[in-house]
């Protein structure tokens, strides 16, 4: 089972744990950010792509801007981070992973950053967000479809 966000917006979809619509309070549809950080991100083939390191909030808009996925490297050295639009992810509540419909090679050209040079509104702003969302073929989070 896969559900859309309740407002039809650009949130992450959820699959697993039946019946989702009867869940009240905390559960797969209402989670703390700390519950989700550390979850693996896998693709449809089951390959591990990385791990959710952070969830970035757009405080003024009251939305999740993107998830930061850390990937590669060894013991944190050489790791690269990728901004993954929240709406590109599917939470698999049964397996406690996020599913991202891309091949591993997708990250050869994906916009990324290292742990000491995070993107900011000052060094790219709206254009950077639009580029990231276009790369994952998702609408920008502040423009609900």
N, C-alpha and C. Protein backbone atom coordinates (compact mmCIF):
# COMPACT_ATOMS: atom_id res chain seq x y z
N UNK A 1 0.84 -1.19 0.00
CA UNK A 1 0.00 0.00 0.00
C UNK A 1 0.87 1.24 0.00
N UNK A 2 0.48 2.24 -0.77
CA UNK A 2 1.21 3.48 -0.83
C UNK A 2 0.20 4.61 -0.70
N UNK A 3 0.50 5.57 0.15
CA UNK A 3 -0.42 6.68 0.33
C UNK A 3 0.22 7.97 -0.12
N UNK A 4 -0.61 8.90 -0.54
CA UNK A 4 -0.16 10.25 -0.89
C UNK A 4 -0.29 11.11 0.35
N UNK A 5 0.44 12.23 0.39
CA UNK A 5 0.26 13.14 1.51
C UNK A 5 -1.21 13.55 1.61
N UNK A 6 -1.72 13.79 2.83
CA UNK A 6 -3.13 14.09 3.01
C UNK A 6 -3.62 15.29 2.24
N UNK A 7 -2.76 16.29 1.99
CA UNK A 7 -3.20 17.47 1.26
C UNK A 7 -2.94 17.37 -0.23
N UNK A 8 -2.48 16.18 -0.70
CA UNK A 8 -2.17 16.01 -2.11
C UNK A 8 -0.90 16.74 -2.51
N UNK A 9 -0.12 17.20 -1.53
CA UNK A 9 1.06 18.01 -1.78
C UNK A 9 2.29 17.22 -2.14
N UNK A 10 3.42 17.78 -1.78
CA UNK A 10 4.69 17.24 -2.21
C UNK A 10 5.45 16.52 -1.10
N UNK A 11 4.76 15.90 -0.19
CA UNK A 11 5.42 15.16 0.88
C UNK A 11 5.86 13.79 0.43
N UNK A 12 6.61 13.11 1.30
CA UNK A 12 7.03 11.74 1.01
C UNK A 12 5.82 10.82 1.07
N UNK A 13 5.82 9.82 0.20
CA UNK A 13 4.76 8.81 0.23
C UNK A 13 5.15 7.75 1.26
N UNK A 14 4.18 6.98 1.71
CA UNK A 14 4.40 5.93 2.71
C UNK A 14 3.85 4.62 2.16
N UNK A 15 4.59 3.56 2.38
CA UNK A 15 4.08 2.23 2.04
C UNK A 15 4.33 1.32 3.23
N UNK A 16 3.48 0.30 3.34
CA UNK A 16 3.62 -0.66 4.42
C UNK A 16 2.72 -0.34 5.60
N UNK A 17 2.82 -1.17 6.62
CA UNK A 17 2.06 -1.09 7.86
C UNK A 17 0.59 -0.74 7.61
N UNK A 18 -0.20 -1.77 7.46
CA UNK A 18 -1.63 -1.64 7.20
C UNK A 18 -2.38 -1.52 8.52
N UNK A 19 -3.46 -0.87 8.64
CA UNK A 19 -3.95 0.16 7.73
C UNK A 19 -3.45 1.53 8.17
N UNK A 20 -2.80 2.24 7.32
CA UNK A 20 -2.24 3.55 7.65
C UNK A 20 -3.32 4.56 8.02
N UNK A 21 -4.42 4.52 7.32
CA UNK A 21 -5.45 5.54 7.55
C UNK A 21 -6.09 5.44 8.93
N UNK A 22 -5.91 4.31 9.63
CA UNK A 22 -6.48 4.17 10.96
C UNK A 22 -5.49 4.54 12.06
N UNK A 23 -4.24 4.87 11.69
CA UNK A 23 -3.22 5.19 12.68
C UNK A 23 -3.53 6.54 13.30
N UNK A 24 -3.46 6.61 14.62
CA UNK A 24 -3.66 7.86 15.34
C UNK A 24 -2.37 8.21 16.06
N UNK A 25 -2.05 9.51 16.10
CA UNK A 25 -0.84 9.94 16.79
C UNK A 25 0.40 9.49 16.06
N UNK A 26 1.45 9.25 16.84
CA UNK A 26 2.73 8.84 16.26
C UNK A 26 2.56 7.52 15.53
N UNK A 27 3.21 7.41 14.44
CA UNK A 27 3.14 6.23 13.59
C UNK A 27 3.79 6.57 12.27
N UNK A 28 3.61 5.78 11.24
CA UNK A 28 4.32 6.07 10.00
C UNK A 28 3.96 7.40 9.35
N UNK A 29 2.81 7.96 9.67
CA UNK A 29 2.42 9.23 9.06
C UNK A 29 2.81 10.44 9.91
N UNK A 30 3.24 10.22 11.15
CA UNK A 30 3.61 11.30 12.05
C UNK A 30 4.79 10.84 12.89
N UNK A 31 5.99 11.25 12.49
CA UNK A 31 7.22 10.78 13.12
C UNK A 31 8.11 11.95 13.49
N UNK A 32 8.96 11.75 14.47
CA UNK A 32 9.97 12.75 14.79
C UNK A 32 11.09 12.67 13.76
N UNK A 33 11.74 13.78 13.49
CA UNK A 33 12.86 13.79 12.55
C UNK A 33 13.96 12.85 13.03
N UNK A 34 14.18 12.77 14.33
CA UNK A 34 15.25 11.90 14.84
C UNK A 34 14.95 10.42 14.60
N UNK A 35 13.68 10.07 14.47
CA UNK A 35 13.31 8.70 14.14
C UNK A 35 13.76 8.34 12.73
N UNK A 36 13.78 9.31 11.84
CA UNK A 36 14.08 9.07 10.43
C UNK A 36 15.56 9.21 10.09
N UNK A 37 16.28 10.03 10.85
CA UNK A 37 17.72 10.16 10.58
C UNK A 37 18.40 8.84 10.93
N UNK A 38 19.32 8.46 10.10
CA UNK A 38 20.00 7.17 10.25
C UNK A 38 19.38 6.06 9.43
N UNK A 39 18.16 6.29 8.91
CA UNK A 39 17.53 5.28 8.05
C UNK A 39 18.29 5.18 6.74
N UNK A 40 18.42 3.98 6.23
CA UNK A 40 19.04 3.77 4.92
C UNK A 40 18.12 4.24 3.82
N UNK A 41 18.74 4.60 2.70
CA UNK A 41 18.02 4.91 1.46
C UNK A 41 18.42 3.82 0.48
N UNK A 42 17.43 3.15 -0.08
CA UNK A 42 17.68 2.07 -1.03
C UNK A 42 16.96 2.40 -2.33
N UNK A 43 17.38 1.73 -3.42
CA UNK A 43 16.65 1.91 -4.67
C UNK A 43 15.73 0.72 -4.88
N UNK A 44 15.02 0.72 -5.98
CA UNK A 44 14.03 -0.34 -6.24
C UNK A 44 14.69 -1.72 -6.37
N UNK A 45 15.98 -1.75 -6.75
CA UNK A 45 16.70 -3.02 -6.86
C UNK A 45 17.19 -3.52 -5.50
N UNK A 46 17.02 -2.69 -4.45
CA UNK A 46 17.46 -3.08 -3.11
C UNK A 46 18.87 -2.65 -2.78
N UNK A 47 19.53 -1.93 -3.70
CA UNK A 47 20.89 -1.43 -3.44
C UNK A 47 20.82 -0.31 -2.42
N UNK A 48 21.72 -0.33 -1.45
CA UNK A 48 21.81 0.77 -0.49
C UNK A 48 22.51 1.94 -1.15
N UNK A 49 21.85 3.09 -1.15
CA UNK A 49 22.38 4.29 -1.77
C UNK A 49 23.07 5.20 -0.76
N UNK A 50 22.64 5.15 0.48
CA UNK A 50 23.19 6.01 1.52
C UNK A 50 22.31 5.96 2.75
N UNK A 51 22.47 6.97 3.57
CA UNK A 51 21.76 7.05 4.85
C UNK A 51 21.28 8.48 5.07
N UNK A 52 20.08 8.62 5.61
CA UNK A 52 19.54 9.95 5.92
C UNK A 52 20.34 10.51 7.09
N UNK A 53 21.00 11.62 6.84
CA UNK A 53 21.81 12.27 7.87
C UNK A 53 21.06 13.39 8.57
N UNK A 54 20.33 14.16 7.79
CA UNK A 54 19.58 15.29 8.33
C UNK A 54 18.29 15.47 7.54
N UNK A 55 17.35 16.15 8.14
CA UNK A 55 16.13 16.56 7.46
C UNK A 55 16.08 18.07 7.59
N UNK A 56 16.09 18.75 6.44
CA UNK A 56 16.18 20.20 6.43
C UNK A 56 14.79 20.81 6.35
N UNK A 57 14.50 21.70 7.29
CA UNK A 57 13.20 22.34 7.38
C UNK A 57 13.25 23.76 6.85
N UNK A 58 12.28 24.13 6.07
CA UNK A 58 12.09 25.50 5.65
C UNK A 58 11.18 26.11 6.72
N UNK A 59 11.78 26.78 7.66
CA UNK A 59 11.05 27.28 8.82
C UNK A 59 9.98 28.29 8.42
N UNK A 60 10.29 29.18 7.50
CA UNK A 60 9.32 30.21 7.12
C UNK A 60 8.11 29.64 6.39
N UNK A 61 8.32 28.60 5.57
CA UNK A 61 7.21 28.01 4.83
C UNK A 61 6.54 26.88 5.59
N UNK A 62 7.17 26.40 6.66
CA UNK A 62 6.60 25.30 7.43
C UNK A 62 6.60 23.99 6.65
N UNK A 63 7.68 23.74 5.90
CA UNK A 63 7.77 22.55 5.05
C UNK A 63 9.13 21.88 5.21
N UNK A 64 9.17 20.60 4.85
CA UNK A 64 10.46 19.94 4.74
C UNK A 64 11.03 20.32 3.39
N UNK A 65 12.22 20.90 3.39
CA UNK A 65 12.85 21.31 2.15
C UNK A 65 13.46 20.10 1.44
N UNK A 66 14.23 19.31 2.17
CA UNK A 66 14.86 18.12 1.60
C UNK A 66 15.48 17.28 2.70
N UNK A 67 15.82 16.05 2.35
CA UNK A 67 16.58 15.19 3.24
C UNK A 67 18.02 15.21 2.77
N UNK A 68 18.95 15.16 3.70
CA UNK A 68 20.36 15.06 3.35
C UNK A 68 20.75 13.60 3.47
N UNK A 69 21.19 13.03 2.35
CA UNK A 69 21.66 11.65 2.33
C UNK A 69 23.17 11.65 2.25
N UNK A 70 23.82 10.94 3.17
CA UNK A 70 25.27 10.77 3.14
C UNK A 70 25.56 9.46 2.43
N UNK A 71 26.58 9.48 1.57
CA UNK A 71 26.89 8.30 0.79
C UNK A 71 28.38 8.23 0.48
N UNK A 72 28.88 7.01 0.40
CA UNK A 72 30.27 6.79 0.02
C UNK A 72 31.22 7.02 1.17
N UNK A 73 32.50 7.01 0.86
CA UNK A 73 33.53 7.23 1.86
C UNK A 73 33.71 6.04 2.77
N UNK A 74 34.58 6.22 3.73
CA UNK A 74 34.88 5.18 4.72
C UNK A 74 35.03 5.84 6.07
N UNK A 75 34.22 5.41 7.03
CA UNK A 75 34.21 5.98 8.37
C UNK A 75 34.05 7.51 8.35
N UNK A 76 33.20 7.96 7.43
CA UNK A 76 32.91 9.39 7.34
C UNK A 76 33.89 10.18 6.50
N UNK A 77 35.02 9.58 6.11
CA UNK A 77 36.01 10.29 5.31
C UNK A 77 35.68 10.08 3.83
N UNK A 78 35.62 11.18 3.09
CA UNK A 78 35.30 11.10 1.67
C UNK A 78 33.82 10.95 1.38
N UNK A 79 32.99 11.02 2.43
CA UNK A 79 31.55 10.93 2.23
C UNK A 79 31.04 12.16 1.50
N UNK A 80 30.08 11.96 0.65
CA UNK A 80 29.44 13.07 -0.03
C UNK A 80 28.00 13.13 0.45
N UNK A 81 27.45 14.31 0.45
CA UNK A 81 26.07 14.50 0.85
C UNK A 81 25.27 14.96 -0.35
N UNK A 82 24.01 14.50 -0.38
CA UNK A 82 23.12 14.84 -1.47
C UNK A 82 21.82 15.34 -0.89
N UNK A 83 21.30 16.44 -1.45
CA UNK A 83 19.98 16.94 -1.08
C UNK A 83 18.97 16.16 -1.90
N UNK A 84 18.11 15.42 -1.22
CA UNK A 84 17.09 14.61 -1.89
C UNK A 84 15.73 15.25 -1.60
N UNK A 85 15.02 15.69 -2.64
CA UNK A 85 13.70 16.27 -2.39
C UNK A 85 12.82 15.29 -1.60
N UNK A 86 12.15 15.78 -0.63
CA UNK A 86 11.32 14.94 0.24
C UNK A 86 10.30 14.15 -0.57
N UNK A 87 9.74 14.78 -1.61
CA UNK A 87 8.71 14.11 -2.40
C UNK A 87 9.28 13.02 -3.31
N UNK A 88 10.60 12.94 -3.44
CA UNK A 88 11.22 11.88 -4.24
C UNK A 88 11.35 10.58 -3.44
N UNK A 89 11.15 10.67 -2.14
CA UNK A 89 11.33 9.52 -1.25
C UNK A 89 10.02 8.82 -0.93
N UNK A 90 10.10 7.52 -0.76
CA UNK A 90 8.98 6.72 -0.27
C UNK A 90 9.45 6.07 1.02
N UNK A 91 8.72 6.29 2.11
CA UNK A 91 9.05 5.64 3.37
C UNK A 91 8.46 4.24 3.36
N UNK A 92 9.31 3.23 3.42
CA UNK A 92 8.86 1.85 3.55
C UNK A 92 8.83 1.56 5.05
N UNK A 93 7.64 1.72 5.64
CA UNK A 93 7.48 1.61 7.08
C UNK A 93 7.76 0.19 7.59
N UNK A 94 7.54 -0.81 6.76
CA UNK A 94 7.81 -2.19 7.19
C UNK A 94 9.30 -2.47 7.31
N UNK A 95 10.09 -1.95 6.37
CA UNK A 95 11.53 -2.22 6.37
C UNK A 95 12.34 -1.11 7.04
N UNK A 96 11.70 -0.02 7.44
CA UNK A 96 12.37 1.12 8.06
C UNK A 96 13.47 1.68 7.17
N UNK A 97 13.14 1.87 5.89
CA UNK A 97 14.06 2.46 4.92
C UNK A 97 13.28 3.45 4.06
N UNK A 98 14.02 4.31 3.39
CA UNK A 98 13.45 5.15 2.36
C UNK A 98 13.80 4.54 1.03
N UNK A 99 12.87 4.58 0.09
CA UNK A 99 13.11 4.07 -1.25
C UNK A 99 13.18 5.27 -2.19
N UNK A 100 14.22 5.27 -3.02
CA UNK A 100 14.42 6.32 -4.00
C UNK A 100 14.55 5.64 -5.35
N UNK A 101 13.71 6.01 -6.30
CA UNK A 101 13.65 5.34 -7.59
C UNK A 101 14.75 5.86 -8.53
N UNK A 102 16.00 5.54 -8.22
CA UNK A 102 17.14 5.88 -9.08
C UNK A 102 18.16 4.76 -9.01
N UNK A 103 18.99 4.68 -10.03
CA UNK A 103 20.09 3.73 -10.04
C UNK A 103 21.27 4.34 -9.28
N UNK A 104 22.17 3.49 -8.79
CA UNK A 104 23.35 3.99 -8.09
C UNK A 104 24.14 4.99 -8.92
N UNK A 105 24.19 4.75 -10.23
CA UNK A 105 24.97 5.63 -11.12
C UNK A 105 24.39 7.05 -11.18
N UNK A 106 23.16 7.22 -10.74
CA UNK A 106 22.51 8.54 -10.71
C UNK A 106 23.37 9.53 -9.93
N UNK A 107 24.08 9.06 -8.92
CA UNK A 107 24.85 9.94 -8.05
C UNK A 107 26.21 10.31 -8.61
N UNK A 108 26.55 9.74 -9.77
CA UNK A 108 27.79 10.15 -10.45
C UNK A 108 27.70 11.60 -10.90
N UNK A 109 26.49 12.06 -11.21
CA UNK A 109 26.30 13.42 -11.69
C UNK A 109 25.34 14.24 -10.81
N UNK A 110 24.90 13.66 -9.70
CA UNK A 110 23.95 14.36 -8.83
C UNK A 110 24.61 15.55 -8.14
N UNK A 111 23.84 16.64 -7.96
CA UNK A 111 24.40 17.77 -7.21
C UNK A 111 24.61 17.34 -5.76
N UNK A 112 25.81 17.53 -5.27
CA UNK A 112 26.13 17.14 -3.91
C UNK A 112 27.04 18.15 -3.25
N UNK A 113 27.40 17.87 -2.01
CA UNK A 113 28.26 18.78 -1.25
C UNK A 113 28.98 17.97 -0.19
N UNK A 114 30.04 18.53 0.38
CA UNK A 114 30.74 17.80 1.43
C UNK A 114 30.33 18.36 2.79
N UNK A 115 30.80 17.72 3.84
CA UNK A 115 30.29 18.06 5.17
C UNK A 115 30.68 19.45 5.64
N UNK A 116 31.66 20.07 5.01
CA UNK A 116 32.07 21.42 5.42
C UNK A 116 31.55 22.51 4.50
N UNK A 117 30.84 22.17 3.44
CA UNK A 117 30.34 23.18 2.50
C UNK A 117 28.88 22.91 2.15
N UNK A 118 28.00 23.08 3.13
CA UNK A 118 26.57 22.87 2.91
C UNK A 118 25.99 24.01 2.11
N UNK A 119 24.99 23.72 1.28
CA UNK A 119 24.33 24.81 0.54
C UNK A 119 23.56 25.71 1.49
N UNK A 120 23.51 26.97 1.16
CA UNK A 120 22.74 27.93 1.96
C UNK A 120 21.87 28.75 1.03
N UNK A 121 20.97 29.48 1.60
CA UNK A 121 20.12 30.36 0.80
C UNK A 121 20.99 31.44 0.14
N UNK A 122 22.13 31.77 0.75
CA UNK A 122 22.97 32.83 0.22
C UNK A 122 23.81 32.37 -0.97
N UNK A 123 24.10 31.06 -1.08
CA UNK A 123 24.96 30.61 -2.19
C UNK A 123 24.19 29.78 -3.21
N UNK A 124 23.03 30.22 -3.56
CA UNK A 124 22.27 29.51 -4.59
C UNK A 124 20.79 29.74 -4.45
N UNK A 125 20.33 29.72 -3.22
CA UNK A 125 18.93 30.02 -2.94
C UNK A 125 17.94 29.25 -3.78
N UNK A 126 16.97 29.96 -4.30
CA UNK A 126 15.86 29.34 -5.03
C UNK A 126 16.35 28.59 -6.27
N UNK A 127 17.33 29.14 -6.98
CA UNK A 127 17.84 28.48 -8.19
C UNK A 127 18.44 27.12 -7.84
N UNK A 128 19.17 27.04 -6.75
CA UNK A 128 19.77 25.77 -6.33
C UNK A 128 18.67 24.74 -6.03
N UNK A 129 17.65 25.15 -5.29
CA UNK A 129 16.52 24.26 -4.99
C UNK A 129 15.85 23.78 -6.27
N UNK A 130 15.62 24.69 -7.20
CA UNK A 130 14.98 24.31 -8.46
C UNK A 130 15.84 23.31 -9.24
N UNK A 131 17.15 23.50 -9.24
CA UNK A 131 18.05 22.57 -9.93
C UNK A 131 18.00 21.19 -9.29
N UNK A 132 18.01 21.12 -7.97
CA UNK A 132 17.96 19.83 -7.26
C UNK A 132 16.64 19.13 -7.56
N UNK A 133 15.55 19.85 -7.47
CA UNK A 133 14.25 19.23 -7.74
C UNK A 133 14.13 18.79 -9.20
N UNK A 134 14.68 19.57 -10.11
CA UNK A 134 14.64 19.19 -11.53
C UNK A 134 15.46 17.91 -11.75
N UNK A 135 16.58 17.77 -11.06
CA UNK A 135 17.43 16.59 -11.20
C UNK A 135 16.68 15.32 -10.81
N UNK A 136 15.82 15.43 -9.80
CA UNK A 136 15.04 14.28 -9.32
C UNK A 136 13.62 14.25 -9.91
N UNK A 137 13.34 15.18 -10.81
CA UNK A 137 12.05 15.26 -11.50
C UNK A 137 10.88 15.37 -10.53
N UNK A 138 11.02 16.26 -9.56
CA UNK A 138 9.96 16.50 -8.60
C UNK A 138 9.65 18.00 -8.60
N UNK A 139 8.41 18.36 -8.27
CA UNK A 139 8.11 19.79 -8.17
C UNK A 139 8.80 20.38 -6.94
N UNK A 140 9.18 21.65 -7.00
CA UNK A 140 9.77 22.27 -5.82
C UNK A 140 8.74 22.25 -4.70
N UNK A 141 9.21 22.07 -3.50
CA UNK A 141 8.30 21.80 -2.38
C UNK A 141 7.34 22.94 -2.09
N UNK A 142 7.68 24.17 -2.43
CA UNK A 142 6.78 25.28 -2.10
C UNK A 142 5.74 25.52 -3.19
N UNK A 143 5.82 24.79 -4.28
CA UNK A 143 4.81 24.90 -5.33
C UNK A 143 4.01 23.61 -5.40
N UNK A 144 2.98 23.52 -4.61
CA UNK A 144 2.17 22.30 -4.57
C UNK A 144 1.41 22.15 -5.87
N UNK A 145 1.37 20.89 -6.35
CA UNK A 145 0.67 20.65 -7.63
C UNK A 145 -0.81 20.53 -7.45
